[in-house]
Amino acid sequence: MNANPQYPAPGRQITDAELLAALLPDTAAGAEPTAPAAPPALDVAALLELARRQGALEATVQAQAVTPAAPADSTPLVPRWAVGTAVAGVGLGAGALLLGWAVDLLVAGAAAVAAGIAAAAPMLIIGAVLVAALVGRRKDGGAFEVTQTITQTITQTVKGGGRR
């Protein structure tokens, strides 16, 4: 690119030749269409034979057969105590979460029972009074007992003669 625009005049039409010149490369090889290449035929036996001739197959097999030596500094990236601490922390956190959930359920259940008792208290009191009345009426196997109270008032008047 340069400071001078290729098409300085606004509204100027681009010709087909200019468009073709801009799209095609400058070399003659790029202007010629190329025939598509045939896909290569893969033959596994031929590839293995080529690898044997080049010695790459034996080198690969020998490299895999030899166990690599341990590096001089084989310390783990994270110490074991750090992993154990992390696992214990997650376990304690999960335990506390489950304990809190259980306590929450227990409190919700107790609140539901208390609300039920408070709502049923008037009916329970009326039922208890009725049961006590029925139990109190029946004594000695259902026989009735009659009690009669007699109140008597006796008035006595004595009249006598006067003085003479």
C-alpha atoms as a PDB file:
ATOM      1  CA  MET A   1       0.000   0.000   0.000  1.00  0.00           C
ATOM      2  CA  ASN A   2       1.097   3.507  -0.512  1.00  0.00           C
ATOM      3  CA  ALA A   3      -0.102   6.985   0.337  1.00  0.00           C
ATOM      4  CA  ASN A   4      -1.675   7.474  -3.094  1.00  0.00           C
ATOM      5  CA  PRO A   5      -4.944   5.614  -3.502  1.00  0.00           C
ATOM      6  CA  GLN A   6      -5.207   3.337  -6.514  1.00  0.00           C
ATOM      7  CA  TYR A   7      -8.559   4.797  -7.540  1.00  0.00           C
ATOM      8  CA  PRO A   8      -8.416   8.453  -6.510  1.00  0.00           C
ATOM      9  CA  ALA A   9     -11.474   9.688  -8.344  1.00  0.00           C
ATOM     10  CA  PRO A  10     -14.706   9.102  -6.443  1.00  0.00           C
ATOM     11  CA  GLY A  11     -17.481   7.618  -8.532  1.00  0.00           C
ATOM     12  CA  ARG A  12     -15.037   6.083 -11.037  1.00  0.00           C
ATOM     13  CA  GLN A  13     -16.064   2.651 -12.326  1.00  0.00           C
ATOM     14  CA  ILE A  14     -13.646  -0.277 -12.093  1.00  0.00           C
ATOM     15  CA  THR A  15     -13.291  -2.153 -15.345  1.00  0.00           C
ATOM     16  CA  ASP A  16     -13.243  -5.923 -15.673  1.00  0.00           C
ATOM     17  CA  ALA A  17      -9.591  -5.865 -16.716  1.00  0.00           C
ATOM     18  CA  GLU A  18      -8.595  -3.923 -13.608  1.00  0.00           C
ATOM     19  CA  LEU A  19     -10.563  -6.330 -11.405  1.00  0.00           C
ATOM     20  CA  LEU A  20      -8.967  -9.343 -13.090  1.00  0.00           C
ATOM     21  CA  ALA A  21      -5.498  -7.809 -12.736  1.00  0.00           C
ATOM     22  CA  ALA A  22      -6.101  -7.207  -9.031  1.00  0.00           C
ATOM     23  CA  LEU A  23      -7.316 -10.758  -8.401  1.00  0.00           C
ATOM     24  CA  LEU A  24      -4.749 -12.705 -10.422  1.00  0.00           C
ATOM     25  CA  PRO A  25      -1.182 -12.965  -9.132  1.00  0.00           C
ATOM     26  CA  ASP A  26       1.677 -11.257 -10.971  1.00  0.00           C
ATOM     27  CA  THR A  27       3.505 -14.487 -11.844  1.00  0.00           C
ATOM     28  CA  ALA A  28       2.613 -16.566 -14.841  1.00  0.00           C
ATOM     29  CA  ALA A  29       2.476 -19.768 -12.777  1.00  0.00           C
ATOM     30  CA  GLY A  30      -0.369 -18.411 -10.709  1.00  0.00           C
ATOM     31  CA  ALA A  31      -2.437 -17.585 -13.791  1.00  0.00           C
ATOM     32  CA  GLU A  32      -2.457 -21.143 -15.086  1.00  0.00           C
ATOM     33  CA  PRO A  33      -5.138 -23.425 -13.708  1.00  0.00           C
ATOM     34  CA  THR A  34      -3.719 -26.527 -12.087  1.00  0.00           C
ATOM     35  CA  ALA A  35      -5.232 -29.976 -12.346  1.00  0.00           C
ATOM     36  CA  PRO A  36      -6.394 -31.423  -9.035  1.00  0.00           C
ATOM     37  CA  ALA A  37      -3.950 -33.961  -7.705  1.00  0.00           C
ATOM     38  CA  ALA A  38      -5.139 -37.516  -7.252  1.00  0.00           C
ATOM     39  CA  PRO A  39      -5.606 -38.475  -3.604  1.00  0.00           C
ATOM     40  CA  PRO A  40      -2.660 -40.543  -2.382  1.00  0.00           C
ATOM     41  CA  ALA A  41      -3.384 -44.199  -1.894  1.00  0.00           C
ATOM     42  CA  LEU A  42      -2.462 -45.251   1.619  1.00  0.00           C
ATOM     43  CA  ASP A  43      -0.919 -48.685   1.813  1.00  0.00           C
ATOM     44  CA  VAL A  44      -0.095 -49.718   5.373  1.00  0.00           C
ATOM     45  CA  ALA A  45       2.348 -52.418   4.326  1.00  0.00           C
ATOM     46  CA  ALA A  46       4.259 -49.984   2.109  1.00  0.00           C
ATOM     47  CA  LEU A  47       4.380 -47.408   4.925  1.00  0.00           C
ATOM     48  CA  LEU A  48       5.724 -50.004   7.395  1.00  0.00           C
ATOM     49  CA  GLU A  49       8.362 -51.152   4.904  1.00  0.00           C
ATOM     50  CA  LEU A  50       9.446 -47.552   4.319  1.00  0.00           C
ATOM     51  CA  ALA A  51       9.699 -46.998   8.091  1.00  0.00           C
ATOM     52  CA  ARG A  52      11.817 -50.177   8.455  1.00  0.00           C
ATOM     53  CA  ARG A  53      14.159 -49.078   5.687  1.00  0.00           C
ATOM     54  CA  GLN A  54      14.644 -45.696   7.298  1.00  0.00           C
ATOM     55  CA  GLY A  55      15.225 -47.250  10.716  1.00  0.00           C
ATOM     56  CA  ALA A  56      12.521 -45.154  12.369  1.00  0.00           C
ATOM     57  CA  LEU A  57      10.399 -48.140  13.353  1.00  0.00           C
ATOM     58  CA  GLU A  58      13.195 -49.893  15.277  1.00  0.00           C
ATOM     59  CA  ALA A  59      14.153 -46.660  17.020  1.00  0.00           C
ATOM     60  CA  THR A  60      10.548 -46.117  18.107  1.00  0.00           C
ATOM     61  CA  VAL A  61      10.194 -49.677  19.402  1.00  0.00           C
ATOM     62  CA  GLN A  62      13.488 -49.469  21.298  1.00  0.00           C
ATOM     63  CA  ALA A  63      12.572 -46.103  22.776  1.00  0.00           C
ATOM     64  CA  GLN A  64       9.298 -47.520  24.074  1.00  0.00           C
ATOM     65  CA  ALA A  65      10.949 -50.682  25.427  1.00  0.00           C
ATOM     66  CA  VAL A  66      13.471 -48.772  27.531  1.00  0.00           C
ATOM     67  CA  THR A  67      11.905 -47.324  30.649  1.00  0.00           C
ATOM     68  CA  PRO A  68      12.827 -43.726  31.092  1.00  0.00           C
ATOM     69  CA  ALA A  69      14.909 -42.850  34.103  1.00  0.00           C
ATOM     70  CA  ALA A  70      13.204 -40.916  36.851  1.00  0.00           C
ATOM     71  CA  PRO A  71      14.063 -37.238  36.797  1.00  0.00           C
ATOM     72  CA  ALA A  72      16.425 -36.036  39.480  1.00  0.00           C
ATOM     73  CA  ASP A  73      13.788 -33.776  41.039  1.00  0.00           C
ATOM     74  CA  SER A  74      10.705 -35.987  41.347  1.00  0.00           C
ATOM     75  CA  THR A  75       8.925 -34.106  44.106  1.00  0.00           C
ATOM     76  CA  PRO A  76       5.191 -33.741  43.541  1.00  0.00           C
ATOM     77  CA  LEU A  77       3.812 -30.375  42.566  1.00  0.00           C
ATOM     78  CA  VAL A  78       1.492 -30.339  45.585  1.00  0.00           C
ATOM     79  CA  PRO A  79       2.545 -31.902  48.903  1.00  0.00           C
ATOM     80  CA  ARG A  80       0.471 -34.773  50.237  1.00  0.00           C
ATOM     81  CA  TRP A  81      -0.424 -32.939  53.428  1.00  0.00           C
ATOM     82  CA  ALA A  82      -1.963 -30.144  51.346  1.00  0.00           C
ATOM     83  CA  VAL A  83      -4.138 -32.617  49.466  1.00  0.00           C
ATOM     84  CA  GLY A  84      -5.147 -34.303  52.731  1.00  0.00           C
ATOM     85  CA  THR A  85      -5.963 -30.958  54.307  1.00  0.00           C
ATOM     86  CA  ALA A  86      -8.079 -29.964  51.332  1.00  0.00           C
ATOM     87  CA  VAL A  87      -9.985 -33.258  51.403  1.00  0.00           C
ATOM     88  CA  ALA A  88     -10.541 -32.950  55.168  1.00  0.00           C
ATOM     89  CA  GLY A  89     -11.737 -29.370  54.740  1.00  0.00           C
ATOM     90  CA  VAL A  90     -14.229 -30.387  52.080  1.00  0.00           C
ATOM     91  CA  GLY A  91     -15.410 -33.251  54.288  1.00  0.00           C
ATOM     92  CA  LEU A  92     -15.885 -31.008  57.309  1.00  0.00           C
ATOM     93  CA  GLY A  93     -17.695 -28.421  55.228  1.00  0.00           C
ATOM     94  CA  ALA A  94     -20.030 -31.040  53.776  1.00  0.00           C
ATOM     95  CA  GLY A  95     -20.652 -32.478  57.253  1.00  0.00           C
ATOM     96  CA  ALA A  96     -21.484 -29.063  58.659  1.00  0.00           C
ATOM     97  CA  LEU A  97     -23.784 -28.416  55.728  1.00  0.00           C
ATOM     98  CA  LEU A  98     -25.633 -31.700  56.274  1.00  0.00           C
ATOM     99  CA  LEU A  99     -25.868 -31.085  60.022  1.00  0.00           C
ATOM    100  CA  GLY A 100     -27.300 -27.618  59.415  1.00  0.00           C
ATOM    101  CA  TRP A 101     -29.804 -29.067  56.956  1.00  0.00           C
ATOM    102  CA  ALA A 102     -30.883 -31.728  59.469  1.00  0.00           C
ATOM    103  CA  VAL A 103     -31.291 -29.154  62.256  1.00  0.00           C
ATOM    104  CA  ASP A 104     -33.301 -26.939  59.909  1.00  0.00           C
ATOM    105  CA  LEU A 105     -35.622 -29.856  59.091  1.00  0.00           C
ATOM    106  CA  LEU A 106     -35.947 -30.707  62.791  1.00  0.00           C
ATOM    107  CA  VAL A 107     -36.864 -27.131  63.685  1.00  0.00           C
ATOM    108  CA  ALA A 108     -39.348 -26.933  60.814  1.00  0.00           C
ATOM    109  CA  GLY A 109     -40.964 -30.184  61.982  1.00  0.00           C
ATOM    110  CA  ALA A 110     -41.168 -28.971  65.584  1.00  0.00           C
ATOM    111  CA  ALA A 111     -42.718 -25.700  64.427  1.00  0.00           C
ATOM    112  CA  ALA A 112     -45.278 -27.626  62.383  1.00  0.00           C
ATOM    113  CA  VAL A 113     -46.183 -29.821  65.377  1.00  0.00           C
ATOM    114  CA  ALA A 114     -46.502 -26.768  67.639  1.00  0.00           C
ATOM    115  CA  ALA A 115     -48.700 -25.018  65.094  1.00  0.00           C
ATOM    116  CA  GLY A 116     -50.890 -28.098  64.805  1.00  0.00           C
ATOM    117  CA  ILE A 117     -51.287 -28.379  68.571  1.00  0.00           C
ATOM    118  CA  ALA A 118     -52.062 -24.673  68.858  1.00  0.00           C
ATOM    119  CA  ALA A 119     -54.688 -24.941  66.142  1.00  0.00           C
ATOM    120  CA  ALA A 120     -56.266 -28.058  67.665  1.00  0.00           C
ATOM    121  CA  ALA A 121     -56.096 -26.920  71.319  1.00  0.00           C
ATOM    122  CA  PRO A 122     -59.738 -25.747  71.598  1.00  0.00           C
ATOM    123  CA  MET A 123     -61.027 -29.005  70.151  1.00  0.00           C
ATOM    124  CA  LEU A 124     -58.711 -31.030  72.381  1.00  0.00           C
ATOM    125  CA  ILE A 125     -59.950 -29.207  75.493  1.00  0.00           C
ATOM    126  CA  ILE A 126     -63.596 -29.753  74.541  1.00  0.00           C
ATOM    127  CA  GLY A 127     -62.878 -33.426  73.846  1.00  0.00           C
ATOM    128  CA  ALA A 128     -61.116 -33.846  77.173  1.00  0.00           C
ATOM    129  CA  VAL A 129     -64.074 -32.301  79.045  1.00  0.00           C
ATOM    130  CA  LEU A 130     -66.518 -34.611  77.252  1.00  0.00           C
ATOM    131  CA  VAL A 131     -64.418 -37.700  77.974  1.00  0.00           C
ATOM    132  CA  ALA A 132     -64.100 -36.705  81.639  1.00  0.00           C
ATOM    133  CA  ALA A 133     -67.863 -36.172  81.877  1.00  0.00           C
ATOM    134  CA  LEU A 134     -68.636 -39.557  80.351  1.00  0.00           C
ATOM    135  CA  VAL A 135     -66.114 -41.357  82.517  1.00  0.00           C
ATOM    136  CA  GLY A 136     -67.367 -39.531  85.619  1.00  0.00           C
ATOM    137  CA  ARG A 137     -71.002 -40.544  85.023  1.00  0.00           C
ATOM    138  CA  ARG A 138     -70.311 -44.227  84.758  1.00  0.00           C
ATOM    139  CA  LYS A 139     -69.336 -45.887  88.010  1.00  0.00           C
ATOM    140  CA  ASP A 140     -69.713 -49.498  89.066  1.00  0.00           C
ATOM    141  CA  GLY A 141     -70.127 -50.880  85.612  1.00  0.00           C
ATOM    142  CA  GLY A 142     -72.680 -48.405  84.384  1.00  0.00           C
ATOM    143  CA  ALA A 143     -75.184 -48.559  87.322  1.00  0.00           C
ATOM    144  CA  PHE A 144     -76.759 -45.287  88.303  1.00  0.00           C
ATOM    145  CA  GLU A 145     -76.510 -43.988  91.822  1.00  0.00           C
ATOM    146  CA  VAL A 146     -79.305 -41.809  93.156  1.00  0.00           C
ATOM    147  CA  THR A 147     -78.634 -39.460  96.038  1.00  0.00           C
ATOM    148  CA  GLN A 148     -81.528 -37.660  97.688  1.00  0.00           C
ATOM    149  CA  THR A 149     -81.049 -34.800 100.080  1.00  0.00           C
ATOM    150  CA  ILE A 150     -83.995 -33.727 102.221  1.00  0.00           C
ATOM    151  CA  THR A 151     -83.964 -30.393 103.957  1.00  0.00           C
ATOM    152  CA  GLN A 152     -86.635 -29.836 106.583  1.00  0.00           C
ATOM    153  CA  THR A 153     -87.468 -26.787 108.536  1.00  0.00           C
ATOM    154  CA  ILE A 154     -89.504 -27.204 111.742  1.00  0.00           C
ATOM    155  CA  THR A 155     -91.078 -24.167 113.315  1.00  0.00           C
ATOM    156  CA  GLN A 156     -92.576 -24.428 116.794  1.00  0.00           C
ATOM    157  CA  THR A 157     -94.600 -21.704 118.323  1.00  0.00           C
ATOM    158  CA  VAL A 158     -95.552 -21.753 122.031  1.00  0.00           C
ATOM    159  CA  LYS A 159     -98.362 -19.462 123.210  1.00  0.00           C
ATOM    160  CA  GLY A 160     -99.155 -19.048 126.777  1.00  0.00           C
ATOM    161  CA  GLY A 161    -101.668 -17.209 128.880  1.00  0.00           C
ATOM    162  CA  GLY A 162    -101.099 -13.854 130.308  1.00  0.00           C
ATOM    163  CA  ARG A 163    -100.406 -12.926 133.941  1.00  0.00           C
ATOM    164  CA  ARG A 164    -103.157 -12.784 136.325  1.00  0.00           C
END
